[in-house]
């Protein structure tokens, strides 16, 4: 999928839902799908402002809801009461390690996790459509952790 295809998905979604089609929404789309890693709405807003965007904070928030609804990005909550997003664009299924000490989020892929969720779904009479797996961890050596602030 390329940026043009993502724009077409958003455009179709906006038309079907009778939402306004504005250049600002597509500007948020571009920033969100190209953002590296996880981000909050405010982080994306600041990122866009630092790149000379005139998009309002309210437009960023509302557009992120729309992008989540049309599955171009995913909403993540890692247990800290903060909504984070990540692009589904150009990404494969992955899971997360979340450090309770330093806050670092590490993405990983392990086929065993995928197999386990498929087996559990099947054993309980379901077909899996997607899953999210988070492991909460602690730094083994806080003194050497470049992310730990104490």
C-alpha atoms as a PDB file:
ATOM      1  CA  UNK A   1       0.000   0.000   0.000  1.00  0.00           C
ATOM      2  CA  UNK A   2       1.289   3.481  -0.830  1.00  0.00           C
ATOM      3  CA  UNK A   3       0.288   6.951   0.405  1.00  0.00           C
ATOM      4  CA  UNK A   4      -2.147   7.337  -2.471  1.00  0.00           C
ATOM      5  CA  UNK A   5      -3.965   4.140  -1.476  1.00  0.00           C
ATOM      6  CA  UNK A   6      -4.146   5.305   2.151  1.00  0.00           C
ATOM      7  CA  UNK A   7      -5.613   8.621   0.963  1.00  0.00           C
ATOM      8  CA  UNK A   8      -8.196   6.718  -1.098  1.00  0.00           C
ATOM      9  CA  UNK A   9      -9.208   4.636   1.944  1.00  0.00           C
ATOM     10  CA  UNK A  10      -9.652   7.795   4.006  1.00  0.00           C
ATOM     11  CA  UNK A  11     -11.529   9.568   1.212  1.00  0.00           C
ATOM     12  CA  UNK A  12     -13.929   6.640   0.778  1.00  0.00           C
ATOM     13  CA  UNK A  13     -14.476   6.443   4.530  1.00  0.00           C
ATOM     14  CA  UNK A  14     -15.191  10.172   4.769  1.00  0.00           C
ATOM     15  CA  UNK A  15     -17.652  10.043   1.860  1.00  0.00           C
ATOM     16  CA  UNK A  16     -19.523   7.023   3.251  1.00  0.00           C
ATOM     17  CA  UNK A  17     -19.782   8.620   6.688  1.00  0.00           C
ATOM     18  CA  UNK A  18     -20.753  11.998   5.241  1.00  0.00           C
ATOM     19  CA  UNK A  19     -17.703  13.627   6.856  1.00  0.00           C
ATOM     20  CA  UNK A  20     -16.114  16.711   5.343  1.00  0.00           C
ATOM     21  CA  UNK A  21     -13.176  16.040   3.046  1.00  0.00           C
ATOM     22  CA  UNK A  22     -10.526  18.625   3.881  1.00  0.00           C
ATOM     23  CA  UNK A  23      -6.841  19.013   3.025  1.00  0.00           C
ATOM     24  CA  UNK A  24      -6.053  19.207   6.748  1.00  0.00           C
ATOM     25  CA  UNK A  25      -7.342  15.686   7.323  1.00  0.00           C
ATOM     26  CA  UNK A  26      -5.053  14.356   4.618  1.00  0.00           C
ATOM     27  CA  UNK A  27      -2.162  16.302   6.133  1.00  0.00           C
ATOM     28  CA  UNK A  28      -2.818  14.549   9.467  1.00  0.00           C
ATOM     29  CA  UNK A  29      -3.039  11.220   7.611  1.00  0.00           C
ATOM     30  CA  UNK A  30       0.376  11.753   6.030  1.00  0.00           C
ATOM     31  CA  UNK A  31       1.974  12.708   9.358  1.00  0.00           C
ATOM     32  CA  UNK A  32       0.360   9.794  11.222  1.00  0.00           C
ATOM     33  CA  UNK A  33       1.308   7.060   8.759  1.00  0.00           C
ATOM     34  CA  UNK A  34       4.874   8.305   8.428  1.00  0.00           C
ATOM     35  CA  UNK A  35       5.469   8.828  12.168  1.00  0.00           C
ATOM     36  CA  UNK A  36       8.052   6.378  13.494  1.00  0.00           C
ATOM     37  CA  UNK A  37       6.805   4.410  16.475  1.00  0.00           C
ATOM     38  CA  UNK A  38       3.990   5.193  18.881  1.00  0.00           C
ATOM     39  CA  UNK A  39       2.612   8.689  19.413  1.00  0.00           C
ATOM     40  CA  UNK A  40      -0.027  10.571  21.345  1.00  0.00           C
ATOM     41  CA  UNK A  41      -2.308  13.088  19.668  1.00  0.00           C
ATOM     42  CA  UNK A  42      -0.329  15.905  21.267  1.00  0.00           C
ATOM     43  CA  UNK A  43       2.988  14.461  20.091  1.00  0.00           C
ATOM     44  CA  UNK A  44       1.662  14.291  16.533  1.00  0.00           C
ATOM     45  CA  UNK A  45       0.324  17.854  16.815  1.00  0.00           C
ATOM     46  CA  UNK A  46       3.733  19.130  18.009  1.00  0.00           C
ATOM     47  CA  UNK A  47       5.494  17.125  15.286  1.00  0.00           C
ATOM     48  CA  UNK A  48       3.249  18.741  12.676  1.00  0.00           C
ATOM     49  CA  UNK A  49       3.709  22.238  14.152  1.00  0.00           C
ATOM     50  CA  UNK A  50       7.481  21.752  14.083  1.00  0.00           C
ATOM     51  CA  UNK A  51       7.103  20.971  10.385  1.00  0.00           C
ATOM     52  CA  UNK A  52       5.232  24.245   9.749  1.00  0.00           C
ATOM     53  CA  UNK A  53       1.726  22.829   9.701  1.00  0.00           C
ATOM     54  CA  UNK A  54      -1.231  25.096  10.447  1.00  0.00           C
ATOM     55  CA  UNK A  55      -3.527  22.216  11.434  1.00  0.00           C
ATOM     56  CA  UNK A  56      -5.361  22.813  14.717  1.00  0.00           C
ATOM     57  CA  UNK A  57      -5.070  20.540  17.732  1.00  0.00           C
ATOM     58  CA  UNK A  58      -8.817  19.777  17.462  1.00  0.00           C
ATOM     59  CA  UNK A  59      -8.389  18.683  13.833  1.00  0.00           C
ATOM     60  CA  UNK A  60      -5.553  16.343  14.835  1.00  0.00           C
ATOM     61  CA  UNK A  61      -7.671  14.747  17.578  1.00  0.00           C
ATOM     62  CA  UNK A  62     -10.772  14.353  15.397  1.00  0.00           C
ATOM     63  CA  UNK A  63      -8.789  13.043  12.422  1.00  0.00           C
ATOM     64  CA  UNK A  64      -7.006  10.452  14.568  1.00  0.00           C
ATOM     65  CA  UNK A  65     -10.446   9.129  15.566  1.00  0.00           C
ATOM     66  CA  UNK A  66     -11.389   8.868  11.884  1.00  0.00           C
ATOM     67  CA  UNK A  67      -8.077   7.212  10.936  1.00  0.00           C
ATOM     68  CA  UNK A  68      -8.587   4.672  13.712  1.00  0.00           C
ATOM     69  CA  UNK A  69     -12.143   3.969  12.565  1.00  0.00           C
ATOM     70  CA  UNK A  70     -11.004   3.279   8.993  1.00  0.00           C
ATOM     71  CA  UNK A  71      -8.101   1.150  10.316  1.00  0.00           C
ATOM     72  CA  UNK A  72      -5.232   3.185   8.867  1.00  0.00           C
ATOM     73  CA  UNK A  73      -3.858   3.569  12.393  1.00  0.00           C
ATOM     74  CA  UNK A  74      -4.369   1.635  15.630  1.00  0.00           C
ATOM     75  CA  UNK A  75      -5.197   2.996  19.051  1.00  0.00           C
ATOM     76  CA  UNK A  76      -3.058   1.550  21.834  1.00  0.00           C
ATOM     77  CA  UNK A  77      -3.377   1.953  25.582  1.00  0.00           C
ATOM     78  CA  UNK A  78      -0.442   0.500  27.450  1.00  0.00           C
ATOM     79  CA  UNK A  79      -1.948   0.703  30.936  1.00  0.00           C
ATOM     80  CA  UNK A  80      -0.827   4.260  31.717  1.00  0.00           C
ATOM     81  CA  UNK A  81      -4.111   5.999  30.812  1.00  0.00           C
ATOM     82  CA  UNK A  82      -2.561   7.544  27.710  1.00  0.00           C
ATOM     83  CA  UNK A  83      -3.934   6.877  24.262  1.00  0.00           C
ATOM     84  CA  UNK A  84      -1.148   6.172  21.820  1.00  0.00           C
ATOM     85  CA  UNK A  85      -1.431   5.510  18.139  1.00  0.00           C
ATOM     86  CA  UNK A  86       0.658   3.699  15.603  1.00  0.00           C
ATOM     87  CA  UNK A  87       0.429   3.441  11.874  1.00  0.00           C
ATOM     88  CA  UNK A  88      -0.919   0.233  10.346  1.00  0.00           C
ATOM     89  CA  UNK A  89       0.620   1.391   7.104  1.00  0.00           C
ATOM     90  CA  UNK A  90       3.730  -0.500   5.920  1.00  0.00           C
ATOM     91  CA  UNK A  91       3.790  -2.495   9.173  1.00  0.00           C
ATOM     92  CA  UNK A  92       3.481  -6.144  10.032  1.00  0.00           C
ATOM     93  CA  UNK A  93       1.760  -7.639  13.071  1.00  0.00           C
ATOM     94  CA  UNK A  94       3.867  -7.124  16.172  1.00  0.00           C
ATOM     95  CA  UNK A  95       3.627  -7.183  19.942  1.00  0.00           C
ATOM     96  CA  UNK A  96       5.024  -4.976  22.698  1.00  0.00           C
ATOM     97  CA  UNK A  97       7.293  -5.084  25.736  1.00  0.00           C
ATOM     98  CA  UNK A  98       6.442  -2.174  28.057  1.00  0.00           C
ATOM     99  CA  UNK A  99       8.985  -1.197  30.692  1.00  0.00           C
ATOM    100  CA  UNK A 100       7.362  -0.147  33.970  1.00  0.00           C
ATOM    101  CA  UNK A 101      10.619   1.526  35.066  1.00  0.00           C
ATOM    102  CA  UNK A 102      11.645   3.714  32.147  1.00  0.00           C
ATOM    103  CA  UNK A 103       8.522   3.720  29.965  1.00  0.00           C
ATOM    104  CA  UNK A 104      10.300   2.338  26.921  1.00  0.00           C
ATOM    105  CA  UNK A 105       8.152   0.428  24.409  1.00  0.00           C
ATOM    106  CA  UNK A 106       9.903  -2.321  22.454  1.00  0.00           C
ATOM    107  CA  UNK A 107       8.186  -3.932  19.494  1.00  0.00           C
ATOM    108  CA  UNK A 108       8.829  -7.586  18.716  1.00  0.00           C
ATOM    109  CA  UNK A 109       7.505 -10.330  16.476  1.00  0.00           C
ATOM    110  CA  UNK A 110       7.411 -13.966  17.492  1.00  0.00           C
ATOM    111  CA  UNK A 111       5.490 -16.567  15.497  1.00  0.00           C
ATOM    112  CA  UNK A 112       4.856 -18.545  18.709  1.00  0.00           C
ATOM    113  CA  UNK A 113       2.653 -15.705  20.040  1.00  0.00           C
ATOM    114  CA  UNK A 114       0.641 -15.661  16.824  1.00  0.00           C
ATOM    115  CA  UNK A 115       0.212 -19.438  16.975  1.00  0.00           C
ATOM    116  CA  UNK A 116      -0.924 -19.302  20.627  1.00  0.00           C
ATOM    117  CA  UNK A 117      -3.618 -16.715  19.928  1.00  0.00           C
ATOM    118  CA  UNK A 118      -4.830 -18.724  16.913  1.00  0.00           C
ATOM    119  CA  UNK A 119      -4.953 -21.936  18.974  1.00  0.00           C
ATOM    120  CA  UNK A 120      -6.823 -20.274  21.858  1.00  0.00           C
ATOM    121  CA  UNK A 121      -9.362 -18.747  19.465  1.00  0.00           C
ATOM    122  CA  UNK A 122      -9.903 -22.077  17.713  1.00  0.00           C
ATOM    123  CA  UNK A 123     -10.183 -24.048  20.970  1.00  0.00           C
ATOM    124  CA  UNK A 124     -12.850 -21.669  22.252  1.00  0.00           C
ATOM    125  CA  UNK A 125     -14.848 -21.802  19.005  1.00  0.00           C
ATOM    126  CA  UNK A 126     -13.731 -18.550  17.391  1.00  0.00           C
ATOM    127  CA  UNK A 127     -11.798 -17.402  14.370  1.00  0.00           C
ATOM    128  CA  UNK A 128      -9.190 -14.800  15.249  1.00  0.00           C
ATOM    129  CA  UNK A 129      -9.394 -11.528  13.341  1.00  0.00           C
ATOM    130  CA  UNK A 130      -6.667  -9.608  15.197  1.00  0.00           C
ATOM    131  CA  UNK A 131      -4.959  -9.448  18.556  1.00  0.00           C
ATOM    132  CA  UNK A 132      -2.807  -7.232  20.740  1.00  0.00           C
ATOM    133  CA  UNK A 133      -0.230  -8.685  23.135  1.00  0.00           C
ATOM    134  CA  UNK A 134       1.661  -6.605  25.687  1.00  0.00           C
ATOM    135  CA  UNK A 135       4.246  -7.834  28.169  1.00  0.00           C
ATOM    136  CA  UNK A 136       4.950  -5.556  31.142  1.00  0.00           C
ATOM    137  CA  UNK A 137       8.618  -5.709  32.121  1.00  0.00           C
ATOM    138  CA  UNK A 138      11.213  -3.988  34.318  1.00  0.00           C
ATOM    139  CA  UNK A 139      14.755  -2.938  33.380  1.00  0.00           C
ATOM    140  CA  UNK A 140      17.248  -5.569  34.531  1.00  0.00           C
ATOM    141  CA  UNK A 141      19.962  -2.986  35.081  1.00  0.00           C
ATOM    142  CA  UNK A 142      18.492   0.468  35.763  1.00  0.00           C
ATOM    143  CA  UNK A 143      21.956   2.011  36.101  1.00  0.00           C
ATOM    144  CA  UNK A 144      22.765   1.167  32.479  1.00  0.00           C
ATOM    145  CA  UNK A 145      19.319   1.949  31.043  1.00  0.00           C
ATOM    146  CA  UNK A 146      19.571   4.993  28.754  1.00  0.00           C
ATOM    147  CA  UNK A 147      15.809   5.589  29.153  1.00  0.00           C
ATOM    148  CA  UNK A 148      15.640   5.431  32.957  1.00  0.00           C
ATOM    149  CA  UNK A 149      15.277   8.778  34.719  1.00  0.00           C
ATOM    150  CA  UNK A 150      15.686   8.613  38.485  1.00  0.00           C
END
